[in-house]
Every structure is written in structure tokens, then in C-alpha cells.
N, C-alpha and C. Protein backbone atom coordinates (compact mmCIF):
# COMPACT_ATOMS: atom_id res chain seq x y z
N MET A 1 2.35 14.46 -3.57
CA MET A 1 2.01 13.59 -2.60
C MET A 1 0.75 14.16 -1.33
N ALA A 2 -0.26 13.38 -1.65
CA ALA A 2 -0.74 13.48 -0.56
C ALA A 2 -0.82 12.07 0.90
N LEU A 3 -0.13 12.43 1.85
CA LEU A 3 0.82 11.45 2.47
C LEU A 3 -0.60 11.19 3.07
N GLU A 4 -1.20 12.07 3.76
CA GLU A 4 -2.26 11.43 4.70
C GLU A 4 -3.35 10.52 3.89
N SER A 5 -3.29 10.43 2.97
CA SER A 5 -4.14 9.33 1.75
C SER A 5 -3.28 7.97 1.97
N PHE A 6 -2.06 8.14 1.92
CA PHE A 6 -1.38 7.30 1.82
C PHE A 6 -1.19 6.73 2.57
N GLY A 7 -0.96 6.96 3.89
CA GLY A 7 -0.91 6.34 4.97
C GLY A 7 -1.78 5.71 5.66
N ARG A 8 -2.60 5.70 5.15
CA ARG A 8 -3.80 5.54 5.77
C ARG A 8 -4.62 4.30 4.94
N ARG A 9 -4.34 4.29 3.71
CA ARG A 9 -5.13 3.48 2.61
C ARG A 9 -4.29 2.55 2.25
N LEU A 10 -2.73 2.62 3.59
CA LEU A 10 -1.35 1.40 2.99
C LEU A 10 -1.88 0.38 4.15
N LYS A 11 -2.10 1.21 5.19
CA LYS A 11 -2.38 0.18 6.92
C LYS A 11 -3.67 -0.22 6.36
N GLU A 12 -4.74 0.28 5.27
CA GLU A 12 -6.06 -0.09 5.74
C GLU A 12 -5.91 -2.04 4.48
N ALA A 13 -5.12 -1.29 3.33
CA ALA A 13 -5.63 -2.75 2.36
C ALA A 13 -4.49 -3.80 3.29
N ARG A 14 -3.21 -3.45 4.07
CA ARG A 14 -2.44 -4.24 4.61
C ARG A 14 -3.53 -5.13 5.95
N GLU A 15 -4.17 -4.54 6.30
CA GLU A 15 -5.39 -4.90 7.60
C GLU A 15 -6.05 -6.43 6.77
N PHE A 16 -6.41 -5.35 5.85
CA PHE A 16 -7.71 -6.10 5.03
C PHE A 16 -7.13 -7.57 4.55
N LEU A 17 -5.85 -7.67 4.62
CA LEU A 17 -5.27 -9.00 4.31
C LEU A 17 -4.73 -9.17 4.70
N ASN A 18 -4.99 -8.63 6.80
CA ASN A 18 -4.20 -9.66 7.83
C ASN A 18 -3.07 -9.47 7.62
N MET A 19 -2.06 -8.79 7.26
CA MET A 19 -0.94 -9.09 7.54
C MET A 19 -0.52 -8.00 8.32
N THR A 20 0.82 -8.40 9.27
CA THR A 20 1.46 -7.24 10.00
C THR A 20 2.36 -6.63 8.95
N GLN A 21 2.87 -4.98 9.90
CA GLN A 21 3.91 -4.47 9.08
C GLN A 21 4.94 -5.11 9.15
N LYS A 22 5.68 -6.71 10.23
CA LYS A 22 6.87 -6.56 10.38
C LYS A 22 6.70 -7.59 8.19
N GLU A 23 5.49 -8.23 7.82
CA GLU A 23 5.12 -9.17 7.06
C GLU A 23 5.09 -8.58 6.05
N LEU A 24 4.93 -6.93 5.50
CA LEU A 24 5.33 -6.58 4.43
C LEU A 24 6.23 -6.13 3.78
N SER A 25 6.83 -5.66 5.62
CA SER A 25 8.41 -5.70 5.21
C SER A 25 9.10 -6.18 4.46
N GLU A 26 9.08 -7.68 5.20
CA GLU A 26 9.66 -8.99 4.74
C GLU A 26 9.50 -8.80 2.96
N LEU A 27 8.07 -9.02 2.72
CA LEU A 27 8.02 -8.95 1.59
C LEU A 27 8.45 -7.19 0.42
N ALA A 28 8.53 -6.67 1.03
CA ALA A 28 8.79 -5.24 0.44
C ALA A 28 10.45 -5.20 0.33
N GLY A 29 11.11 -5.80 1.20
CA GLY A 29 12.62 -5.27 1.45
C GLY A 29 13.24 -4.22 2.04
N THR A 30 12.05 -4.57 3.59
CA THR A 30 12.69 -3.57 4.36
C THR A 30 12.87 -3.45 5.51
N THR A 31 12.44 -1.76 5.94
CA THR A 31 12.28 -3.07 7.91
C THR A 31 10.68 -2.72 8.02
N GLU A 32 10.59 -3.17 9.15
CA GLU A 32 9.27 -2.52 9.87
C GLU A 32 9.06 -1.37 10.57
N ALA A 33 10.16 -1.21 10.60
CA ALA A 33 9.76 0.73 11.07
C ALA A 33 9.85 1.02 9.87
N THR A 34 10.16 0.44 9.03
CA THR A 34 10.33 2.02 7.56
C THR A 34 8.44 2.06 7.26
N ILE A 35 8.01 0.72 7.32
CA ILE A 35 6.33 0.54 7.01
C ILE A 35 5.58 1.43 8.20
N SER A 36 5.75 1.15 9.64
CA SER A 36 5.04 2.41 10.22
C SER A 36 5.12 3.99 9.89
N ARG A 37 6.71 3.88 9.61
CA ARG A 37 6.76 5.38 9.35
C ARG A 37 5.91 6.36 8.04
N TYR A 38 5.93 4.76 8.06
CA TYR A 38 4.65 5.25 5.93
C TYR A 38 3.60 5.74 6.67
N GLU A 39 3.42 4.24 7.13
CA GLU A 39 1.76 5.14 7.57
C GLU A 39 1.03 6.06 9.10
N SER A 40 2.32 6.20 9.61
CA SER A 40 1.83 6.84 10.11
C SER A 40 2.40 7.89 8.98
N GLU A 41 3.05 8.40 8.54
CA GLU A 41 2.76 9.47 7.93
C GLU A 41 4.40 10.24 7.99
N VAL A 42 5.14 9.73 8.46
CA VAL A 42 6.63 10.53 9.13
C VAL A 42 8.33 10.30 8.28
N HIS A 43 7.81 9.32 7.16
CA HIS A 43 7.95 9.08 5.44
C HIS A 43 7.42 9.16 4.69
N GLU A 44 7.64 9.27 3.98
CA GLU A 44 7.57 10.01 1.94
C GLU A 44 8.02 8.45 1.35
N PRO A 45 7.41 6.92 1.28
CA PRO A 45 8.08 6.13 -0.28
C PRO A 45 8.17 7.05 -1.77
N SER A 46 9.03 6.01 -2.11
CA SER A 46 9.64 6.49 -3.07
C SER A 46 8.51 5.85 -4.65
N ARG A 47 8.57 6.69 -5.55
CA ARG A 47 7.32 5.98 -6.52
C ARG A 47 7.26 4.00 -6.94
N ASN A 48 8.71 4.42 -7.25
CA ASN A 48 8.96 2.34 -6.83
C ASN A 48 7.83 1.63 -5.43
N THR A 49 9.11 2.19 -4.77
CA THR A 49 8.15 2.17 -3.45
C THR A 49 6.73 2.05 -3.41
N ILE A 50 6.11 2.91 -3.96
CA ILE A 50 4.94 3.00 -3.83
C ILE A 50 4.24 1.70 -5.13
N GLU A 51 4.33 1.69 -5.78
CA GLU A 51 4.36 0.52 -6.99
C GLU A 51 4.59 -0.84 -6.45
N LEU A 52 5.53 -1.11 -5.62
CA LEU A 52 5.96 -2.29 -5.10
C LEU A 52 5.10 -2.70 -3.90
N LEU A 53 4.72 -1.77 -3.10
CA LEU A 53 3.86 -2.08 -2.03
C LEU A 53 2.36 -2.45 -2.39
N ALA A 54 1.68 -1.67 -3.99
CA ALA A 54 0.68 -1.73 -4.81
C ALA A 54 0.79 -3.02 -4.55
N ALA A 55 1.93 -3.40 -5.56
CA ALA A 55 1.34 -5.03 -6.21
C ALA A 55 1.27 -6.12 -5.09
N ILE A 56 2.13 -5.96 -4.12
CA ILE A 56 2.22 -6.85 -3.05
C ILE A 56 0.60 -7.34 -2.28
N LEU A 57 0.45 -5.79 -2.29
CA LEU A 57 -0.76 -5.31 -1.24
C LEU A 57 -2.14 -5.95 -2.55
N GLY A 58 -2.00 -6.28 -4.07
CA GLY A 58 -2.72 -6.40 -5.05
C GLY A 58 -3.94 -4.63 -4.89
N VAL A 59 -3.34 -4.25 -4.56
CA VAL A 59 -4.59 -2.71 -4.94
C VAL A 59 -4.03 -1.65 -6.50
N ASN A 60 -4.88 -1.01 -6.60
CA ASN A 60 -4.14 0.25 -7.78
C ASN A 60 -2.72 1.38 -7.14
N PRO A 61 -1.80 1.37 -7.58
CA PRO A 61 -1.28 2.58 -6.73
C PRO A 61 -2.14 3.67 -6.88
N ALA A 62 -2.79 3.79 -7.67
CA ALA A 62 -3.44 5.16 -7.56
C ALA A 62 -3.92 5.73 -6.21
N TRP A 63 -4.93 4.29 -6.23
CA TRP A 63 -5.60 4.22 -5.14
C TRP A 63 -4.87 4.48 -3.56
N LEU A 64 -4.19 3.89 -3.74
CA LEU A 64 -3.04 4.46 -2.44
C LEU A 64 -2.72 5.70 -2.32
N LEU A 65 -2.78 6.25 -3.31
CA LEU A 65 -1.77 7.35 -3.32
C LEU A 65 -2.94 8.22 -2.70
N GLY A 66 -4.60 8.08 -3.33
CA GLY A 66 -5.18 8.97 -2.01
C GLY A 66 -6.30 9.06 -3.41
N ALA A 67 -6.07 8.69 -4.89
CA ALA A 67 -6.74 9.00 -6.09
C ALA A 67 -8.38 8.83 -5.87
N PRO A 68 -8.98 9.27 -6.08
CA PRO A 68 -10.52 8.85 -6.63
C PRO A 68 -11.08 7.47 -7.49
N VAL A 69 -10.13 6.18 -6.91
CA VAL A 69 -10.48 5.32 -8.15
C VAL A 69 -10.76 4.01 -7.54
N ASP A 70 -11.35 2.82 -8.41
CA ASP A 70 -11.46 1.37 -7.99
C ASP A 70 -9.86 1.42 -6.45
N GLN A 71 -10.14 0.56 -5.72
CA GLN A 71 -9.35 0.32 -4.56
C GLN A 71 -7.93 -0.61 -5.25
N TRP A 72 -8.90 -1.75 -6.34
CA TRP A 72 -8.55 -3.43 -6.97
C TRP A 72 -8.59 -3.14 -8.39
N PRO A 73 -7.36 -3.03 -8.72
CA PRO A 73 -6.67 -2.72 -10.64
C PRO A 73 -8.10 -3.71 -11.32
N GLU A 74 -8.13 -3.46 -12.10
CA GLU A 74 -8.84 -3.98 -13.56
C GLU A 74 -8.78 -6.25 -13.77
N SER A 75 -7.68 -6.57 -13.43
CA SER A 75 -7.43 -7.45 -13.60
C SER A 75 -7.35 -8.35 -12.64
N THR A 76 -7.84 -7.53 -11.55
CA THR A 76 -8.38 -8.27 -9.96
C THR A 76 -9.80 -8.99 -10.20
N GLU A 77 -9.77 -7.32 -10.90
CA GLU A 77 -12.16 -7.35 -11.18
C GLU A 77 -12.62 -8.77 -12.02
N LYS A 78 -11.61 -8.11 -13.06
CA LYS A 78 -12.06 -9.53 -14.19
C LYS A 78 -11.46 -11.47 -13.58
N LYS A 79 -10.40 -11.06 -12.62
CA LYS A 79 -10.25 -12.54 -12.16
C LYS A 79 -11.85 -13.35 -11.53
N GLU A 80 -11.97 -11.90 -10.50
CA GLU A 80 -12.93 -12.63 -9.25
C GLU A 80 -14.65 -13.14 -10.05
N ALA A 81 -14.33 -11.65 -11.52
CA ALA A 81 -16.07 -11.95 -12.31
C ALA A 81 -16.44 -12.94 -12.50
């Protein structure tokens, strides 16, 4: 997993939504420290956690992992169109 991309993108998506680490941690059922560790690339989340965080933030899990894909899932794009 490309942690450098994950941490940067997690923070980018969270800040785009004007969400604090504390707010994200509460929604994800984890601690603020854990979110901080993910963003600073000290800790690697499980696949289930990645999918949960992506769902909370409304982003494509593959994008969150650093893949060269659209940030927003197709279902989100279709709703906005």
C-alpha cells in the first residue's frame, strides 16, 4: 500500500469536508490519535477501515489509496449531474 498517498489523501478529503480528526474518528468508531497516525503515515489501516473511511468521506477507496482514479465515486457524480 502506498501510505504516503493514503495519509495525504485522507487529510485532503477530511479537510475538504471541513471535518476535524475528532469528528472523523467519532464517525469511524476509533480515536483521534488513530486518525492522526493514519494521516502522518505512522500507522496503516486495515482494508475494512479504508473502505469505512472512504464511505464516511464520500470518496473512492481506490483514490484514497493513491490510485489514479476519480476522487468521487460514480454514484456521487451521477447525483450531482
